Amino acid sequence: MNRCGRTTLASLAACLSKCRVVVANDSGGMHLAAAVGTRVVAVYGLTDSAKTGPLGEGHAVLTASGARGNRRVGRSDPESQAALRSISPDRVMLAVEERLAAPGNPA
């Protein structure tokens, strides 16, 4: 279901609270998911996850190998794209599976 542009902040929070795990980039949606208590797999390219990572317990933060934590590089910049491509779908899926299997995550 794609609700982009057709949801309010309150309805997005309600939807995220029903999820067992949310996969997101460094975004408002990622922070909202963490705020409503949903476990997050956060995918970071060049952004410094130590400064902007999800708050709370049970989250996974996946960072690009050798990332410098630079917000000044645009999304379409080759360095940004290479950083994100370095995080494999298998790595993301493993983090999701670990969050799903973790104690305290509802079935």
N, C-alpha and C. Protein backbone atom coordinates (compact mmCIF):
# COMPACT_ATOMS: atom_id res chain seq x y z
N MET A 1 0.85 -1.16 0.00
CA MET A 1 0.00 0.00 0.00
C MET A 1 0.90 1.24 0.00
N ASN A 2 0.72 2.10 -0.95
CA ASN A 2 1.47 3.34 -1.01
C ASN A 2 0.56 4.48 -0.58
N ARG A 3 0.89 5.10 0.55
CA ARG A 3 0.07 6.19 1.08
C ARG A 3 0.80 7.53 0.97
N CYS A 4 1.86 7.59 0.18
CA CYS A 4 2.64 8.82 0.05
C CYS A 4 1.74 9.97 -0.40
N GLY A 5 1.80 11.06 0.35
CA GLY A 5 1.04 12.25 0.03
C GLY A 5 -0.44 12.16 0.35
N ARG A 6 -0.88 11.03 0.90
CA ARG A 6 -2.30 10.85 1.19
C ARG A 6 -2.55 10.44 2.64
N THR A 7 -1.69 10.90 3.53
CA THR A 7 -1.85 10.54 4.93
C THR A 7 -1.49 11.73 5.81
N THR A 8 -2.06 11.75 6.98
CA THR A 8 -1.70 12.78 7.97
C THR A 8 -0.63 12.21 8.88
N LEU A 9 -0.02 13.08 9.65
CA LEU A 9 0.99 12.64 10.61
C LEU A 9 0.38 11.67 11.62
N ALA A 10 -0.83 11.98 12.07
CA ALA A 10 -1.49 11.11 13.04
C ALA A 10 -1.81 9.73 12.44
N SER A 11 -2.26 9.70 11.20
CA SER A 11 -2.58 8.39 10.60
C SER A 11 -1.30 7.61 10.29
N LEU A 12 -0.23 8.32 9.93
CA LEU A 12 1.04 7.64 9.72
C LEU A 12 1.53 7.04 11.03
N ALA A 13 1.43 7.79 12.12
CA ALA A 13 1.83 7.27 13.43
C ALA A 13 1.02 6.03 13.78
N ALA A 14 -0.27 6.06 13.51
CA ALA A 14 -1.13 4.91 13.80
C ALA A 14 -0.70 3.70 12.97
N CYS A 15 -0.42 3.90 11.69
CA CYS A 15 0.02 2.80 10.82
C CYS A 15 1.36 2.23 11.29
N LEU A 16 2.31 3.11 11.61
CA LEU A 16 3.62 2.66 12.05
C LEU A 16 3.56 1.90 13.37
N SER A 17 2.62 2.28 14.22
CA SER A 17 2.50 1.60 15.52
C SER A 17 2.00 0.17 15.36
N LYS A 18 1.38 -0.15 14.24
CA LYS A 18 0.88 -1.51 13.98
C LYS A 18 1.93 -2.41 13.34
N CYS A 19 3.05 -1.84 12.92
CA CYS A 19 4.11 -2.61 12.28
C CYS A 19 4.97 -3.31 13.32
N ARG A 20 5.51 -4.46 12.95
CA ARG A 20 6.45 -5.15 13.83
C ARG A 20 7.86 -4.61 13.64
N VAL A 21 8.20 -4.23 12.42
CA VAL A 21 9.50 -3.64 12.10
C VAL A 21 9.28 -2.67 10.94
N VAL A 22 10.00 -1.56 10.97
CA VAL A 22 9.97 -0.59 9.88
C VAL A 22 11.39 -0.45 9.34
N VAL A 23 11.53 -0.52 8.02
CA VAL A 23 12.80 -0.25 7.35
C VAL A 23 12.68 1.16 6.77
N ALA A 24 13.64 2.02 7.12
CA ALA A 24 13.57 3.41 6.66
C ALA A 24 14.95 4.02 6.58
N ASN A 25 15.02 5.10 5.83
CA ASN A 25 16.24 5.90 5.84
C ASN A 25 16.14 6.91 6.97
N ASP A 26 17.13 7.79 7.06
CA ASP A 26 17.14 8.83 8.08
C ASP A 26 16.06 9.84 7.70
N SER A 27 14.89 9.70 8.28
CA SER A 27 13.73 10.50 7.88
C SER A 27 12.80 10.70 9.07
N GLY A 28 11.86 11.58 8.87
CA GLY A 28 10.84 11.78 9.90
C GLY A 28 10.06 10.52 10.17
N GLY A 29 9.76 9.75 9.13
CA GLY A 29 9.04 8.50 9.30
C GLY A 29 9.79 7.52 10.18
N MET A 30 11.11 7.46 10.02
CA MET A 30 11.93 6.58 10.85
C MET A 30 11.84 7.00 12.31
N HIS A 31 11.95 8.30 12.56
CA HIS A 31 11.88 8.78 13.93
C HIS A 31 10.48 8.60 14.52
N LEU A 32 9.46 8.76 13.71
CA LEU A 32 8.09 8.55 14.18
C LEU A 32 7.86 7.08 14.54
N ALA A 33 8.37 6.17 13.71
CA ALA A 33 8.24 4.74 14.01
C ALA A 33 8.88 4.42 15.35
N ALA A 34 10.09 4.94 15.58
CA ALA A 34 10.76 4.70 16.86
C ALA A 34 9.97 5.32 18.01
N ALA A 35 9.40 6.50 17.79
CA ALA A 35 8.66 7.19 18.84
C ALA A 35 7.40 6.44 19.26
N VAL A 36 6.77 5.73 18.32
CA VAL A 36 5.55 4.98 18.68
C VAL A 36 5.88 3.57 19.16
N GLY A 37 7.18 3.26 19.28
CA GLY A 37 7.59 1.99 19.87
C GLY A 37 7.82 0.86 18.90
N THR A 38 7.86 1.15 17.61
CA THR A 38 8.11 0.12 16.61
C THR A 38 9.61 0.01 16.38
N ARG A 39 10.10 -1.20 16.30
CA ARG A 39 11.52 -1.41 16.03
C ARG A 39 11.84 -0.97 14.61
N VAL A 40 13.02 -0.40 14.45
CA VAL A 40 13.43 0.20 13.19
C VAL A 40 14.72 -0.43 12.70
N VAL A 41 14.79 -0.66 11.40
CA VAL A 41 16.05 -0.93 10.72
C VAL A 41 16.32 0.33 9.91
N ALA A 42 17.27 1.12 10.38
CA ALA A 42 17.58 2.41 9.77
C ALA A 42 18.77 2.27 8.84
N VAL A 43 18.59 2.70 7.59
CA VAL A 43 19.63 2.59 6.57
C VAL A 43 20.25 3.97 6.37
N TYR A 44 21.55 4.07 6.67
CA TYR A 44 22.27 5.34 6.59
C TYR A 44 23.36 5.25 5.54
N GLY A 45 23.43 6.24 4.69
CA GLY A 45 24.53 6.35 3.74
C GLY A 45 25.65 7.15 4.36
N LEU A 46 25.65 8.46 4.11
CA LEU A 46 26.71 9.33 4.62
C LEU A 46 26.31 10.11 5.86
N THR A 47 25.06 10.04 6.25
CA THR A 47 24.60 10.78 7.43
C THR A 47 25.19 10.14 8.69
N ASP A 48 25.51 10.95 9.67
CA ASP A 48 26.09 10.47 10.92
C ASP A 48 24.99 9.88 11.81
N SER A 49 24.90 8.58 11.86
CA SER A 49 23.84 7.91 12.63
C SER A 49 24.01 8.14 14.13
N ALA A 50 25.21 8.45 14.58
CA ALA A 50 25.40 8.73 16.01
C ALA A 50 24.68 10.00 16.42
N LYS A 51 24.50 10.92 15.48
CA LYS A 51 23.82 12.18 15.77
C LYS A 51 22.32 12.11 15.47
N THR A 52 21.94 11.32 14.49
CA THR A 52 20.54 11.36 14.03
C THR A 52 19.85 10.00 14.02
N GLY A 53 20.42 9.03 14.71
CA GLY A 53 19.84 7.69 14.73
C GLY A 53 18.55 7.62 15.52
N PRO A 54 17.82 6.51 15.39
CA PRO A 54 16.56 6.35 16.12
C PRO A 54 16.81 6.25 17.62
N LEU A 55 15.92 6.86 18.38
CA LEU A 55 16.03 6.81 19.84
C LEU A 55 15.31 5.57 20.37
N GLY A 56 15.82 5.02 21.44
CA GLY A 56 15.18 3.87 22.06
C GLY A 56 15.97 2.60 21.85
N GLU A 57 15.38 1.51 22.30
CA GLU A 57 16.03 0.20 22.27
C GLU A 57 15.48 -0.66 21.13
N GLY A 58 16.28 -1.64 20.71
CA GLY A 58 15.82 -2.65 19.78
C GLY A 58 15.95 -2.30 18.31
N HIS A 59 16.57 -1.18 18.00
CA HIS A 59 16.72 -0.76 16.61
C HIS A 59 18.04 -1.25 16.04
N ALA A 60 18.11 -1.36 14.73
CA ALA A 60 19.36 -1.65 14.04
C ALA A 60 19.67 -0.45 13.15
N VAL A 61 20.91 -0.02 13.18
CA VAL A 61 21.36 1.06 12.32
C VAL A 61 22.41 0.49 11.38
N LEU A 62 22.12 0.52 10.10
CA LEU A 62 23.04 -0.01 9.09
C LEU A 62 23.72 1.17 8.41
N THR A 63 25.03 1.19 8.46
CA THR A 63 25.78 2.28 7.87
C THR A 63 26.67 1.77 6.75
N ALA A 64 27.00 2.67 5.86
CA ALA A 64 27.88 2.34 4.75
C ALA A 64 29.29 2.14 5.28
N SER A 65 29.99 1.22 4.70
CA SER A 65 31.37 0.97 5.09
C SER A 65 32.21 2.21 4.81
N GLY A 66 32.89 2.69 5.82
CA GLY A 66 33.77 3.84 5.65
C GLY A 66 33.05 5.17 5.49
N ALA A 67 31.78 5.25 5.86
CA ALA A 67 31.02 6.50 5.72
C ALA A 67 31.64 7.59 6.60
N ARG A 68 31.64 8.81 6.09
CA ARG A 68 32.27 9.93 6.79
C ARG A 68 31.29 10.79 7.57
N GLY A 69 30.01 10.53 7.49
CA GLY A 69 29.05 11.34 8.22
C GLY A 69 28.94 12.75 7.68
N ASN A 70 28.73 12.90 6.39
CA ASN A 70 28.71 14.20 5.74
C ASN A 70 27.32 14.50 5.18
N ARG A 71 26.61 15.46 5.76
CA ARG A 71 25.28 15.83 5.26
C ARG A 71 25.34 16.80 4.09
N ARG A 72 26.50 17.29 3.77
CA ARG A 72 26.62 18.27 2.69
C ARG A 72 26.65 17.64 1.31
N VAL A 73 26.76 16.35 1.25
CA VAL A 73 26.78 15.66 -0.04
C VAL A 73 25.34 15.36 -0.43
N GLY A 74 24.95 15.77 -1.63
CA GLY A 74 23.58 15.58 -2.09
C GLY A 74 23.24 14.13 -2.36
N ARG A 75 21.93 13.84 -2.36
CA ARG A 75 21.48 12.46 -2.58
C ARG A 75 21.88 11.91 -3.94
N SER A 76 21.96 12.78 -4.95
CA SER A 76 22.30 12.31 -6.29
C SER A 76 23.80 12.26 -6.52
N ASP A 77 24.59 12.67 -5.55
CA ASP A 77 26.03 12.64 -5.65
C ASP A 77 26.51 11.19 -5.74
N PRO A 78 27.46 10.90 -6.60
CA PRO A 78 27.96 9.52 -6.73
C PRO A 78 28.44 8.93 -5.40
N GLU A 79 29.03 9.75 -4.54
CA GLU A 79 29.50 9.26 -3.24
C GLU A 79 28.33 8.80 -2.37
N SER A 80 27.25 9.56 -2.38
CA SER A 80 26.04 9.17 -1.62
C SER A 80 25.45 7.89 -2.16
N GLN A 81 25.34 7.81 -3.46
CA GLN A 81 24.75 6.62 -4.07
C GLN A 81 25.61 5.39 -3.81
N ALA A 82 26.92 5.54 -3.89
CA ALA A 82 27.80 4.40 -3.63
C ALA A 82 27.69 3.95 -2.18
N ALA A 83 27.57 4.90 -1.27
CA ALA A 83 27.44 4.55 0.15
C ALA A 83 26.18 3.74 0.39
N LEU A 84 25.07 4.16 -0.18
CA LEU A 84 23.82 3.41 0.00
C LEU A 84 23.87 2.06 -0.69
N ARG A 85 24.48 2.00 -1.87
CA ARG A 85 24.58 0.71 -2.58
C ARG A 85 25.45 -0.29 -1.82
N SER A 86 26.33 0.21 -0.96
CA SER A 86 27.21 -0.70 -0.21
C SER A 86 26.45 -1.47 0.88
N ILE A 87 25.23 -1.06 1.17
CA ILE A 87 24.39 -1.76 2.16
C ILE A 87 23.49 -2.71 1.38
N SER A 88 23.79 -3.97 1.44
CA SER A 88 23.09 -4.96 0.60
C SER A 88 21.69 -5.25 1.12
N PRO A 89 20.79 -5.63 0.21
CA PRO A 89 19.46 -6.07 0.65
C PRO A 89 19.54 -7.24 1.63
N ASP A 90 20.51 -8.13 1.45
CA ASP A 90 20.66 -9.26 2.38
C ASP A 90 20.98 -8.77 3.79
N ARG A 91 21.80 -7.75 3.89
CA ARG A 91 22.15 -7.18 5.19
C ARG A 91 20.92 -6.55 5.86
N VAL A 92 20.12 -5.86 5.06
CA VAL A 92 18.88 -5.26 5.58
C VAL A 92 17.93 -6.36 6.04
N MET A 93 17.77 -7.39 5.22
CA MET A 93 16.84 -8.48 5.57
C MET A 93 17.29 -9.20 6.83
N LEU A 94 18.56 -9.43 6.98
CA LEU A 94 19.07 -10.07 8.20
C LEU A 94 18.72 -9.22 9.43
N ALA A 95 18.89 -7.91 9.33
CA ALA A 95 18.56 -7.03 10.45
C ALA A 95 17.07 -7.07 10.75
N VAL A 96 16.24 -7.14 9.71
CA VAL A 96 14.78 -7.26 9.91
C VAL A 96 14.46 -8.56 10.63
N GLU A 97 15.02 -9.66 10.15
CA GLU A 97 14.76 -10.96 10.76
C GLU A 97 15.20 -10.99 12.23
N GLU A 98 16.33 -10.37 12.53
CA GLU A 98 16.80 -10.30 13.92
C GLU A 98 15.83 -9.49 14.79
N ARG A 99 15.30 -8.39 14.26
CA ARG A 99 14.33 -7.59 15.02
C ARG A 99 13.04 -8.39 15.24
N LEU A 100 12.62 -9.14 14.24
CA LEU A 100 11.38 -9.93 14.37
C LEU A 100 11.53 -11.05 15.39
N ALA A 101 12.73 -11.61 15.48
CA ALA A 101 12.97 -12.73 16.40
C ALA A 101 13.32 -12.28 17.80
N ALA A 102 13.57 -11.01 17.99
CA ALA A 102 14.02 -10.51 19.29
C ALA A 102 12.92 -10.61 20.34
N PRO A 103 13.30 -10.87 21.57
CA PRO A 103 12.32 -10.92 22.66
C PRO A 103 11.56 -9.59 22.76
N GLY A 104 10.30 -9.69 23.08
CA GLY A 104 9.48 -8.49 23.26
C GLY A 104 8.83 -7.98 22.00
N ASN A 105 9.12 -8.60 20.85
CA ASN A 105 8.48 -8.18 19.61
C ASN A 105 7.23 -9.02 19.41
N PRO A 106 6.06 -8.40 19.36
CA PRO A 106 4.83 -9.18 19.22
C PRO A 106 4.79 -9.99 17.93
N ALA A 107 4.21 -11.16 17.99
CA ALA A 107 4.14 -12.04 16.81
C ALA A 107 3.08 -11.57 15.86
